Amino acid sequence: MAVVPTREILDRAFAERYGVAAINIVNDLSMEAVLAAAVQERAPVIVQTSVKTVKSIGLDLLFAMWRELTAGIDVPVALHLDHCPEREVITDCLRKGWNSVLFDASRLPVQENQRQTVDVVKEAHALGAHVEGEIESITGVEDGVGSDEEAERQTLETALTFIRTTGVDVFAPAIGNAHGRYKAAPKLDAQRVTDIVEAEPIPIALHGGTGMSDEQFADLIARGCAKVNISTALKVTFMQSNLAYLRDAEQRDSWDPPSLFTHVRGDVLGMAAGFMRQFGSAGKAW
């Protein structure tokens, strides 16, 4: 099936009430491992890149990695730019070929956020791409974007007006979720997802997935969270896998980089595959 529009992946998931893992990668190894997990599990997947990753690797090189690693792939995949407040980066990624972007103007007043999001949606749709929008900051800092202060939640009517006025393809509400690791079990306002979806049937993006319980995932996906973001879990898996292997290599005084890469790839692939099975997307490739 190869690379498809993000909305095509999410519309199917939303209709059938399963979740698509949207996993933030950090380099070529993690990108390849996540894609390999999707092939193994016969699952659609959204590969996400942060602004920090785009800038550290470079726009052209990062997209070249994506193009080469998805050549000939036979499951539905899409490339998404996560939390991006910078319009210039949004434009660069859309023109290069990203399938979707999250224009994160949540720190702006809602009216200004809405005004700019209208422009981003117009720009993206002209290029065959899609837009995720949000009106409240998700608590926590992720790759240098965000705040540890919980934003005030807007009314349901404000959220619906934003969705309808902007024409966003995916909406990310704040429901008590947070980026990073939770200090305590999160208390989530799942009803807010239901209220939005019943009034405006649109795929919902669930941020701050790392650390939620199986029951919370299942409930929120059933309510319409078709896109489930995973970032912290990949970073922790990637770093801890490297650390464990290198500690063992030091004990053995054996230094073989390809073996390290194979070990880390296996751990990242296993993590990604586990989420695909958990979210119900395994076996959903078309």
Protein backbone atom coordinates (compact mmCIF):
# COMPACT_ATOMS: atom_id res chain seq x y z
CA MET A 1 0.00 0.00 0.00
CA ALA A 2 2.92 2.31 0.79
CA VAL A 3 2.55 5.98 1.74
CA VAL A 4 -1.06 7.16 1.92
CA PRO A 5 -2.80 10.34 3.14
CA THR A 6 -2.96 10.56 6.92
CA ARG A 7 -6.72 11.12 6.86
CA GLU A 8 -7.21 7.88 4.90
CA ILE A 9 -5.50 5.97 7.71
CA LEU A 10 -7.42 7.75 10.44
CA ASP A 11 -10.84 7.69 8.81
CA ARG A 12 -10.73 3.88 8.72
CA ALA A 13 -9.54 3.68 12.30
CA PHE A 14 -12.21 6.13 13.45
CA ALA A 15 -14.99 4.25 11.65
CA GLU A 16 -13.90 0.85 13.01
CA ARG A 17 -12.85 2.20 16.43
CA TYR A 18 -9.27 1.05 16.60
CA GLY A 19 -6.24 3.20 17.31
CA VAL A 20 -3.32 3.89 15.01
CA ALA A 21 0.05 4.21 16.72
CA ALA A 22 1.64 7.57 15.87
CA ILE A 23 5.22 7.11 16.99
CA ASN A 24 7.87 9.83 17.25
CA ILE A 25 11.14 8.59 15.79
CA VAL A 26 14.56 10.09 16.52
CA ASN A 27 16.82 8.75 13.75
CA ASP A 28 17.04 6.31 10.84
CA LEU A 29 17.31 3.24 13.08
CA SER A 30 14.15 4.08 15.02
CA MET A 31 12.28 4.98 11.84
CA GLU A 32 13.21 1.67 10.22
CA ALA A 33 12.29 -0.29 13.35
CA VAL A 34 8.84 1.32 13.61
CA LEU A 35 8.16 0.66 9.93
CA ALA A 36 9.36 -2.94 10.33
CA ALA A 37 6.96 -3.37 13.25
CA ALA A 38 4.09 -2.18 11.05
CA VAL A 39 5.01 -4.70 8.36
CA GLN A 40 5.36 -7.48 10.93
CA GLU A 41 1.98 -6.70 12.51
CA ARG A 42 0.24 -5.83 9.22
CA ALA A 43 -0.74 -2.54 10.79
CA PRO A 44 -1.09 1.01 9.48
CA VAL A 45 1.26 3.41 11.25
CA ILE A 46 1.98 7.12 11.43
CA VAL A 47 5.63 8.02 11.78
CA GLN A 48 6.04 11.32 13.60
CA THR A 49 8.90 13.79 13.58
CA SER A 50 9.33 16.62 16.04
CA VAL A 51 10.57 20.04 15.01
CA LYS A 52 13.74 19.26 16.96
CA THR A 53 14.31 16.08 14.93
CA VAL A 54 13.67 17.89 11.65
CA LYS A 55 16.21 20.55 12.53
CA SER A 56 18.84 18.23 13.99
CA ILE A 57 18.84 15.75 11.09
CA GLY A 58 17.95 18.23 8.37
CA LEU A 59 14.77 18.44 6.32
CA ASP A 60 16.21 16.97 3.11
CA LEU A 61 18.07 14.10 4.75
CA LEU A 62 15.15 13.18 7.01
CA PHE A 63 12.74 13.03 4.09
CA ALA A 64 15.25 11.08 2.00
CA MET A 65 15.42 8.52 4.84
CA TRP A 66 11.63 8.29 4.82
CA ARG A 67 11.45 7.94 1.04
CA GLU A 68 14.04 5.16 0.94
CA LEU A 69 12.71 3.25 3.94
CA THR A 70 9.13 3.26 2.63
CA ALA A 71 10.01 2.31 -0.94
CA GLY A 72 8.12 -0.90 -1.65
CA ILE A 73 6.49 -1.08 1.79
CA ASP A 74 3.17 -2.93 1.65
CA VAL A 75 1.28 -1.50 4.63
CA PRO A 76 -0.31 1.98 4.88
CA VAL A 77 2.09 4.53 6.36
CA ALA A 78 2.12 8.32 6.70
CA LEU A 79 4.66 10.93 7.80
CA HIS A 80 3.49 13.54 10.33
CA LEU A 81 5.11 16.67 11.77
CA ASP A 82 4.29 16.75 15.48
CA HIS A 83 3.75 19.89 17.63
CA CYS A 84 5.03 22.68 15.41
CA PRO A 85 4.38 26.35 16.27
CA GLU A 86 6.66 27.60 13.46
CA ARG A 87 4.84 28.43 10.24
CA GLU A 88 8.04 28.35 8.20
CA VAL A 89 8.82 24.78 9.29
CA ILE A 90 5.20 23.81 8.56
CA THR A 91 5.51 25.16 5.02
CA ASP A 92 8.90 23.53 4.41
CA CYS A 93 7.68 20.11 5.54
CA LEU A 94 4.46 20.31 3.56
CA ARG A 95 6.29 21.29 0.39
CA LYS A 96 8.85 18.53 0.89
CA GLY A 97 6.16 15.87 1.17
CA TRP A 98 5.04 15.35 4.77
CA ASN A 99 1.54 13.87 4.80
CA SER A 100 0.27 15.91 7.74
CA VAL A 101 1.24 18.46 10.36
CA LEU A 102 0.14 19.49 13.82
CA PHE A 103 0.08 23.26 13.76
CA ASP A 104 0.50 23.98 17.45
CA ALA A 105 -0.77 27.50 18.04
CA SER A 106 -2.24 26.55 21.39
CA ARG A 107 -0.29 29.25 23.22
CA LEU A 108 -2.08 31.92 21.19
CA PRO A 109 -5.54 33.28 21.95
CA VAL A 110 -8.15 30.97 20.43
CA GLN A 111 -9.26 33.48 17.80
CA GLU A 112 -5.71 34.03 16.54
CA ASN A 113 -5.02 30.31 16.66
CA GLN A 114 -8.17 29.76 14.62
CA ARG A 115 -7.27 32.45 12.10
CA GLN A 116 -3.81 31.04 11.45
CA THR A 117 -5.02 27.44 11.40
CA VAL A 118 -7.44 28.32 8.60
CA ASP A 119 -4.43 29.40 6.53
CA VAL A 120 -2.43 26.26 7.39
CA VAL A 121 -5.36 24.02 6.43
CA LYS A 122 -5.71 25.80 3.11
CA GLU A 123 -1.98 25.42 2.46
CA ALA A 124 -1.91 21.74 3.42
CA HIS A 125 -5.04 20.74 1.53
CA ALA A 126 -3.71 22.37 -1.64
CA LEU A 127 -0.79 19.95 -1.40
CA GLY A 128 -2.90 16.91 -0.59
CA ALA A 129 -1.82 16.94 3.07
CA HIS A 130 -3.79 17.12 6.32
CA VAL A 131 -3.77 19.15 9.52
CA GLU A 132 -4.17 18.34 13.18
CA GLY A 133 -5.24 21.23 15.38
CA GLU A 134 -5.52 22.00 19.07
CA ILE A 135 -6.71 24.90 21.16
CA GLU A 136 -5.22 23.98 24.55
CA SER A 137 -1.62 23.11 25.31
CA ILE A 138 -1.09 19.51 26.32
CA THR A 139 0.71 19.68 29.66
CA GLY A 140 4.43 18.93 29.51
CA VAL A 141 7.39 19.87 27.35
CA GLU A 142 8.19 17.62 24.39
CA ASP A 143 11.34 18.24 22.37
CA GLY A 144 11.39 21.85 23.50
CA VAL A 145 7.74 22.59 22.70
CA GLY A 146 5.07 23.05 25.37
CA SER A 147 4.72 24.03 29.01
CA ASP A 148 4.50 22.23 32.34
CA GLU A 149 1.57 24.44 33.29
CA GLU A 150 -1.83 22.94 32.49
CA ALA A 151 -3.79 25.18 30.16
CA GLU A 152 -7.37 26.17 30.87
CA ARG A 153 -9.76 23.98 28.91
CA GLN A 154 -12.05 25.71 26.46
CA THR A 155 -15.78 25.09 26.29
CA LEU A 156 -17.26 22.42 24.04
CA GLU A 157 -18.79 25.13 21.86
CA THR A 158 -15.40 26.81 21.44
CA ALA A 159 -13.83 23.51 20.41
CA LEU A 160 -16.61 22.78 17.92
CA THR A 161 -16.42 26.27 16.43
CA PHE A 162 -12.67 25.84 15.97
CA ILE A 163 -13.10 22.45 14.25
CA ARG A 164 -15.86 23.67 11.95
CA THR A 165 -14.29 27.02 11.09
CA THR A 166 -10.78 25.77 10.39
CA GLY A 167 -11.62 22.51 8.65
CA VAL A 168 -8.92 20.61 10.53
CA ASP A 169 -8.78 16.89 9.78
CA VAL A 170 -7.84 15.74 13.29
CA PHE A 171 -8.44 17.39 16.65
CA ALA A 172 -6.34 17.05 19.80
CA PRO A 173 -8.26 18.02 22.95
CA ALA A 174 -6.79 18.37 26.41
CA ILE A 175 -8.43 15.78 28.65
CA GLY A 176 -5.99 15.67 31.56
CA ASN A 177 -3.32 13.98 29.44
CA ALA A 178 0.32 15.07 29.54
CA HIS A 179 3.57 14.62 27.66
CA GLY A 180 6.40 12.77 29.33
CA ARG A 181 6.05 10.43 32.29
CA TYR A 182 3.08 10.84 34.60
CA LYS A 183 3.93 11.45 38.26
CA ALA A 184 0.67 9.69 39.20
CA ALA A 185 -2.03 7.76 37.35
CA PRO A 186 -3.69 10.30 35.02
CA LYS A 187 -7.28 11.28 35.67
CA LEU A 188 -8.77 11.68 32.23
CA ASP A 189 -11.92 13.46 31.09
CA ALA A 190 -12.97 10.78 28.61
CA GLN A 191 -16.46 12.25 28.33
CA ARG A 192 -14.99 15.28 26.56
CA VAL A 193 -13.92 13.03 23.69
CA THR A 194 -17.42 11.61 23.42
CA ASP A 195 -19.01 15.06 23.55
CA ILE A 196 -16.83 16.34 20.70
CA VAL A 197 -17.26 13.27 18.51
CA GLU A 198 -21.03 13.12 18.97
CA ALA A 199 -21.35 16.75 17.92
CA GLU A 200 -18.70 16.65 15.19
CA PRO A 201 -17.51 13.20 14.00
CA ILE A 202 -13.79 13.84 13.57
CA PRO A 203 -10.80 11.60 14.39
CA ILE A 204 -9.38 12.54 17.78
CA ALA A 205 -5.65 12.56 18.53
CA LEU A 206 -4.66 11.27 21.95
CA HIS A 207 -1.44 12.85 23.18
CA GLY A 208 0.58 11.78 26.19
CA GLY A 209 -0.07 8.08 25.68
CA THR A 210 2.99 6.81 27.50
CA GLY A 211 1.89 5.72 30.97
CA MET A 212 -1.84 5.36 30.39
CA SER A 213 -3.46 2.10 31.47
CA ASP A 214 -4.77 -0.57 29.12
CA GLU A 215 -8.28 0.28 30.25
CA GLN A 216 -7.82 3.98 29.52
CA PHE A 217 -6.47 3.29 26.05
CA ALA A 218 -9.34 0.93 25.24
CA ASP A 219 -11.96 3.35 26.50
CA LEU A 220 -10.59 6.38 24.68
CA ILE A 221 -10.09 4.51 21.41
CA ALA A 222 -13.69 3.27 21.59
CA ARG A 223 -14.82 6.87 22.02
CA GLY A 224 -13.01 8.06 18.87
CA CYS A 225 -9.29 8.49 19.62
CA ALA A 226 -8.11 7.10 16.29
CA LYS A 227 -4.57 8.53 16.53
CA VAL A 228 -2.59 7.56 19.61
CA ASN A 229 0.71 9.39 20.06
CA ILE A 230 3.72 7.59 21.49
CA SER A 231 6.93 9.56 22.04
CA THR A 232 8.34 9.11 25.53
CA ALA A 233 8.09 5.32 25.34
CA LEU A 234 10.27 5.24 22.23
CA LYS A 235 12.86 7.57 23.73
CA VAL A 236 13.04 5.54 26.94
CA THR A 237 13.24 2.24 25.05
CA PHE A 238 15.88 3.59 22.68
CA MET A 239 18.08 5.04 25.41
CA GLN A 240 17.73 2.17 27.88
CA SER A 241 18.42 -0.39 25.17
CA ASN A 242 21.63 1.41 24.24
CA LEU A 243 22.62 1.72 27.89
CA ALA A 244 22.01 -1.94 28.71
CA TYR A 245 23.93 -3.16 25.69
CA LEU A 246 26.87 -0.83 26.28
CA ARG A 247 27.13 -1.81 29.94
CA ASP A 248 27.29 -5.45 28.90
CA ALA A 249 29.79 -4.63 26.14
CA GLU A 250 31.98 -2.92 28.72
CA GLN A 251 31.87 -5.99 30.95
CA ARG A 252 32.81 -8.21 28.03
CA ASP A 253 35.24 -5.68 26.56
CA SER A 254 33.56 -6.29 23.21
CA TRP A 255 32.90 -3.30 20.97
CA ASP A 256 30.87 -4.04 17.86
CA PRO A 257 28.60 -1.20 16.71
CA PRO A 258 26.50 -3.31 14.29
CA SER A 259 25.58 -5.63 17.17
CA LEU A 260 24.52 -2.60 19.21
CA PHE A 261 22.33 -1.37 16.36
CA THR A 262 20.70 -4.80 15.95
CA HIS A 263 19.98 -4.99 19.68
CA VAL A 264 18.39 -1.52 19.82
CA ARG A 265 16.40 -2.11 16.66
CA GLY A 266 14.92 -5.25 18.15
CA ASP A 267 13.83 -3.47 21.32
CA VAL A 268 12.27 -0.52 19.45
CA LEU A 269 10.51 -2.86 17.02
CA GLY A 270 9.11 -4.89 19.92
CA MET A 271 7.86 -1.78 21.68
CA ALA A 272 6.15 -0.44 18.55
CA ALA A 273 4.58 -3.82 17.71
CA GLY A 274 3.23 -4.09 21.24
CA PHE A 275 1.38 -0.78 20.93
CA MET A 276 -0.04 -1.77 17.54
CA ARG A 277 -1.50 -4.93 19.03
CA GLN A 278 -2.73 -3.07 22.11
CA PHE A 279 -4.49 -0.37 20.07
CA GLY A 280 -6.20 -2.91 17.80
CA SER A 281 -4.50 -1.86 14.57
CA ALA A 282 -2.59 -5.13 14.05
CA GLY A 283 -4.00 -6.92 11.03
CA LYS A 284 -5.78 -3.78 9.81
CA ALA A 285 -3.49 -3.08 6.84
CA TRP A 286 -5.22 -2.94 3.46
